[in-house]
Amino acid sequence: MGSAVAAPLRVEVVARRASLGARGLAVRRLQTRLARHGYVVGRRGLYDDRTARAVMAFRKVTGMSREFQADDEVFRRLGRGEGAFQVRYPSHGRHVEADLGRQVLALIDHGEAVRVYATSSGAPVTPTILGSFHVYLKSYGTNAKGMVHSSYFIRGYAIHGYESVPPYPASHGCLRVPVPDAASIFAWIRYGTIVDTYYR
C-alpha cells in the first residue's frame, strides 16, 4: 500500500513569561494586549521600563502581587480579556480617576480609560483627600520639592512626577507618577479637568 507523508510543520513556541530586557514575539503580544486596555507601553518588542510600569499597573488593577514581571498568570489574564480599568464617573467627561485602593491613575475620555498608570498616593499619616475636584493650577518643570510637572487639584495636592513611586501609598497626599510619564500626563490635563479620588 502507498503511504502519505505530510510536509514538516514548523511550530514556534512563545514563552509566556517576560521581564526587563526581554525581546521578541511574546513581548509584542504582551504590549498589544496591554495597550488595548489603555496601559502605556514602551518600544515595540522590547520589555523596557515603560512596559514594566504598564505590567505593574495591570497587576494592580487585577489584584495581583505588585511587581514588574509578566508571569504566566499575567499572560493568561490578558488572554481572557481581563484588566480593563472600570470607570466610576463616566458622566464627568474628560477627567482623571485615581483608585487609591489599587494605586492606579487613569485618564478618562468618553467613558473609557485611554491611559492607565501606576501611582503612589498619600501615606497613611498623610492621606490623599477624597472627592471630586478641578485642576486649578499647572506648574511646568521641577520645583524645590522635586515635584515634576504638577497639576494641582485642591490646596497643595497635585498629580506630579516624582523620583520615587513605590507600589504602595507613600506621598504627602499628592498623586505621584513616574517622572518619564509626567510630561504626557501634564499635557493631557487641562485647567478645570476633574480629578476624582476614591477607594473602590
Protein backbone atom coordinates (compact mmCIF):
# COMPACT_ATOMS: atom_id res chain seq x y z
CA MET A 1 0.00 0.00 0.00
CA GLY A 2 1.12 3.51 -0.65
CA SER A 3 1.80 5.85 2.19
CA ALA A 4 1.29 9.56 2.56
CA VAL A 5 4.00 11.73 4.03
CA ALA A 6 2.94 15.05 5.46
CA ALA A 7 5.09 18.07 4.88
CA PRO A 8 7.01 19.10 8.01
CA LEU A 9 5.33 21.79 10.04
CA ARG A 10 7.40 24.30 11.93
CA VAL A 11 5.92 25.37 15.25
CA GLU A 12 7.21 28.36 17.17
CA VAL A 13 6.65 28.11 20.90
CA VAL A 14 6.21 31.50 22.54
CA ALA A 15 7.23 31.74 26.19
CA ARG A 16 4.52 33.09 28.47
CA ARG A 17 6.89 34.95 30.75
CA ALA A 18 8.82 38.17 30.26
CA SER A 19 10.86 40.60 32.32
CA LEU A 20 13.03 43.68 31.89
CA GLY A 21 15.27 43.45 28.84
CA ALA A 22 13.32 40.65 27.11
CA ARG A 23 12.60 40.93 23.38
CA GLY A 24 10.53 39.14 20.79
CA LEU A 25 7.08 37.90 19.92
CA ALA A 26 5.92 37.29 23.48
CA VAL A 27 6.75 40.87 24.42
CA ARG A 28 4.96 42.25 21.36
CA ARG A 29 1.84 40.25 22.18
CA LEU A 30 2.01 41.40 25.79
CA GLN A 31 2.32 45.04 24.74
CA THR A 32 -0.54 44.78 22.24
CA ARG A 33 -2.92 43.34 24.81
CA LEU A 34 -1.91 45.84 27.48
CA ALA A 35 -2.36 48.75 25.07
CA ARG A 36 -5.91 47.60 24.25
CA HIS A 37 -6.83 48.43 27.84
CA GLY A 38 -5.02 51.78 27.86
CA TYR A 39 -1.81 50.72 29.59
CA VAL A 40 1.10 52.79 28.31
CA VAL A 41 3.77 50.50 26.89
CA GLY A 42 7.20 51.30 25.52
CA ARG A 43 9.29 50.40 22.50
CA ARG A 44 7.67 47.74 20.34
CA GLY A 45 9.04 44.27 21.06
CA LEU A 46 11.26 45.37 23.96
CA TYR A 47 10.36 44.85 27.61
CA ASP A 48 11.62 48.26 28.67
CA ASP A 49 10.95 50.35 31.78
CA ARG A 50 7.69 51.76 30.42
CA THR A 51 6.37 48.29 29.58
CA ALA A 52 7.37 47.13 33.07
CA ARG A 53 5.38 50.01 34.58
CA ALA A 54 2.39 49.05 32.42
CA VAL A 55 2.61 45.49 33.77
CA MET A 56 2.75 46.86 37.32
CA ALA A 57 -0.41 48.91 36.69
CA PHE A 58 -2.16 45.87 35.16
CA ARG A 59 -1.21 43.73 38.14
CA LYS A 60 -2.60 46.39 40.49
CA VAL A 61 -5.90 46.64 38.61
CA THR A 62 -6.35 42.86 38.62
CA GLY A 63 -5.40 42.44 42.28
CA MET A 64 -2.17 40.55 41.64
CA SER A 65 1.08 40.92 43.53
CA ARG A 66 2.71 44.26 42.79
CA GLU A 67 5.81 43.57 40.73
CA PHE A 68 7.23 44.39 37.32
CA GLN A 69 7.47 40.91 35.79
CA ALA A 70 4.90 39.43 33.43
CA ASP A 71 4.49 35.81 34.50
CA ASP A 72 2.21 33.13 33.09
CA GLU A 73 -0.76 34.45 35.07
CA VAL A 74 -0.40 37.93 33.51
CA PHE A 75 -0.48 36.39 30.01
CA ARG A 76 -3.42 34.18 30.95
CA ARG A 77 -5.49 37.05 32.32
CA LEU A 78 -4.73 39.27 29.34
CA GLY A 79 -5.73 36.40 27.07
CA ARG A 80 -9.09 36.26 28.83
CA GLY A 81 -9.56 39.99 28.28
CA GLU A 82 -9.14 40.93 31.94
CA GLY A 83 -7.57 44.12 33.26
CA ALA A 84 -9.77 46.91 31.92
CA PHE A 85 -9.98 49.89 34.27
CA GLN A 86 -13.58 50.24 35.47
CA VAL A 87 -14.58 53.89 35.11
CA ARG A 88 -16.59 55.09 38.09
CA TYR A 89 -17.70 58.51 36.81
CA PRO A 90 -18.36 58.31 33.05
CA SER A 91 -20.61 61.38 33.32
CA HIS A 92 -17.57 63.51 34.24
CA GLY A 93 -16.44 63.53 30.62
CA ARG A 94 -12.74 64.05 30.04
CA HIS A 95 -11.32 63.59 33.53
CA VAL A 96 -8.86 61.80 35.81
CA GLU A 97 -9.70 58.99 38.23
CA ALA A 98 -7.38 57.81 40.99
CA ASP A 99 -8.32 54.46 42.55
CA LEU A 100 -6.43 54.72 45.81
CA GLY A 101 -7.15 51.15 46.86
CA ARG A 102 -5.49 49.77 43.76
CA GLN A 103 -2.97 52.64 43.49
CA VAL A 104 -3.67 53.38 39.84
CA LEU A 105 -4.44 56.58 37.98
CA ALA A 106 -6.46 56.67 34.75
CA LEU A 107 -7.09 59.36 32.17
CA ILE A 108 -10.72 59.03 31.08
CA ASP A 109 -12.31 60.25 27.85
CA HIS A 110 -15.87 59.47 26.70
CA GLY A 111 -16.30 56.93 29.46
CA GLU A 112 -13.17 54.97 28.54
CA ALA A 113 -9.77 54.75 30.23
CA VAL A 114 -7.44 55.91 27.46
CA ARG A 115 -4.31 55.73 29.63
CA VAL A 116 -3.69 53.83 32.85
CA TYR A 117 -0.67 54.37 35.11
CA ALA A 118 0.63 53.14 38.42
CA THR A 119 0.57 55.83 41.10
CA SER A 120 1.53 56.30 44.73
CA SER A 121 -0.95 58.30 46.79
CA GLY A 122 -0.77 59.67 50.33
CA ALA A 123 0.80 57.57 53.06
CA PRO A 124 -1.47 56.57 55.99
CA VAL A 125 -0.27 59.53 58.08
CA THR A 126 -0.70 61.98 55.17
CA PRO A 127 -3.61 60.53 53.14
CA THR A 128 -4.81 61.85 49.81
CA ILE A 129 -8.04 63.79 50.20
CA LEU A 130 -11.08 62.01 48.75
CA GLY A 131 -13.67 63.58 46.45
CA SER A 132 -14.14 65.32 43.12
CA PHE A 133 -12.00 68.36 42.37
CA HIS A 134 -10.93 70.56 39.48
CA VAL A 135 -7.39 71.34 38.37
CA TYR A 136 -6.82 74.99 39.26
CA LEU A 137 -3.05 75.37 38.75
CA LYS A 138 -0.48 73.79 36.46
CA SER A 139 3.24 74.20 37.14
CA TYR A 140 5.67 73.08 34.45
CA GLY A 141 9.13 71.84 35.41
CA THR A 142 10.60 70.67 38.69
CA ASN A 143 10.02 72.60 41.90
CA ALA A 144 12.11 72.77 45.09
CA LYS A 145 10.35 69.67 46.48
CA GLY A 146 11.26 67.53 43.49
CA MET A 147 7.71 67.58 42.08
CA VAL A 148 7.80 67.37 38.27
CA HIS A 149 5.12 68.92 36.02
CA SER A 150 2.48 69.41 38.72
CA SER A 151 -1.28 69.71 38.17
CA TYR A 152 -2.88 70.95 41.40
CA PHE A 153 -6.46 69.91 42.11
CA ILE A 154 -7.00 71.14 45.70
CA ARG A 155 -4.76 73.18 48.00
CA GLY A 156 -1.24 71.70 47.75
CA TYR A 157 -2.39 68.36 46.35
CA ALA A 158 -1.21 67.66 42.82
CA ILE A 159 -0.68 64.99 40.23
CA HIS A 160 3.05 65.13 39.56
CA GLY A 161 6.11 63.19 38.58
CA TYR A 162 8.46 62.10 41.34
CA GLU A 163 11.71 60.16 41.58
CA SER A 164 10.22 57.56 43.93
CA VAL A 165 6.89 55.91 43.06
CA PRO A 166 6.63 52.75 45.18
CA PRO A 167 3.72 50.32 44.66
CA TYR A 168 2.05 51.48 47.88
CA PRO A 169 0.84 54.81 49.36
CA ALA A 170 3.92 56.87 50.24
CA SER A 171 3.38 60.53 49.34
CA HIS A 172 2.41 63.51 51.47
CA GLY A 173 -1.04 63.45 49.87
CA CYS A 174 -0.24 64.04 46.21
CA LEU A 175 -0.64 61.53 43.40
CA ARG A 176 2.87 60.60 42.33
CA VAL A 177 3.56 59.23 38.86
CA PRO A 178 6.89 58.12 37.35
CA VAL A 179 8.94 61.03 36.03
CA PRO A 180 9.09 59.62 32.44
CA ASP A 181 5.27 59.69 32.33
CA ALA A 182 4.84 63.09 33.93
CA ALA A 183 5.14 65.28 30.82
CA SER A 184 2.48 63.43 28.80
CA ILE A 185 0.07 63.38 31.76
CA PHE A 186 0.69 67.09 32.36
CA ALA A 187 -0.02 67.83 28.69
CA TRP A 188 -3.26 65.80 28.75
CA ILE A 189 -4.65 67.54 31.84
CA ARG A 190 -6.24 70.96 31.31
CA TYR A 191 -7.28 73.74 33.63
CA GLY A 192 -10.63 72.71 35.04
CA THR A 193 -10.13 68.97 34.43
CA ILE A 194 -12.00 66.96 37.07
CA VAL A 195 -9.90 64.74 39.34
CA ASP A 196 -11.82 62.02 41.19
CA THR A 197 -10.08 60.30 44.09
CA TYR A 198 -11.71 57.32 45.80
CA TYR A 199 -11.43 53.83 47.21
CA ARG A 200 -13.28 51.30 45.09
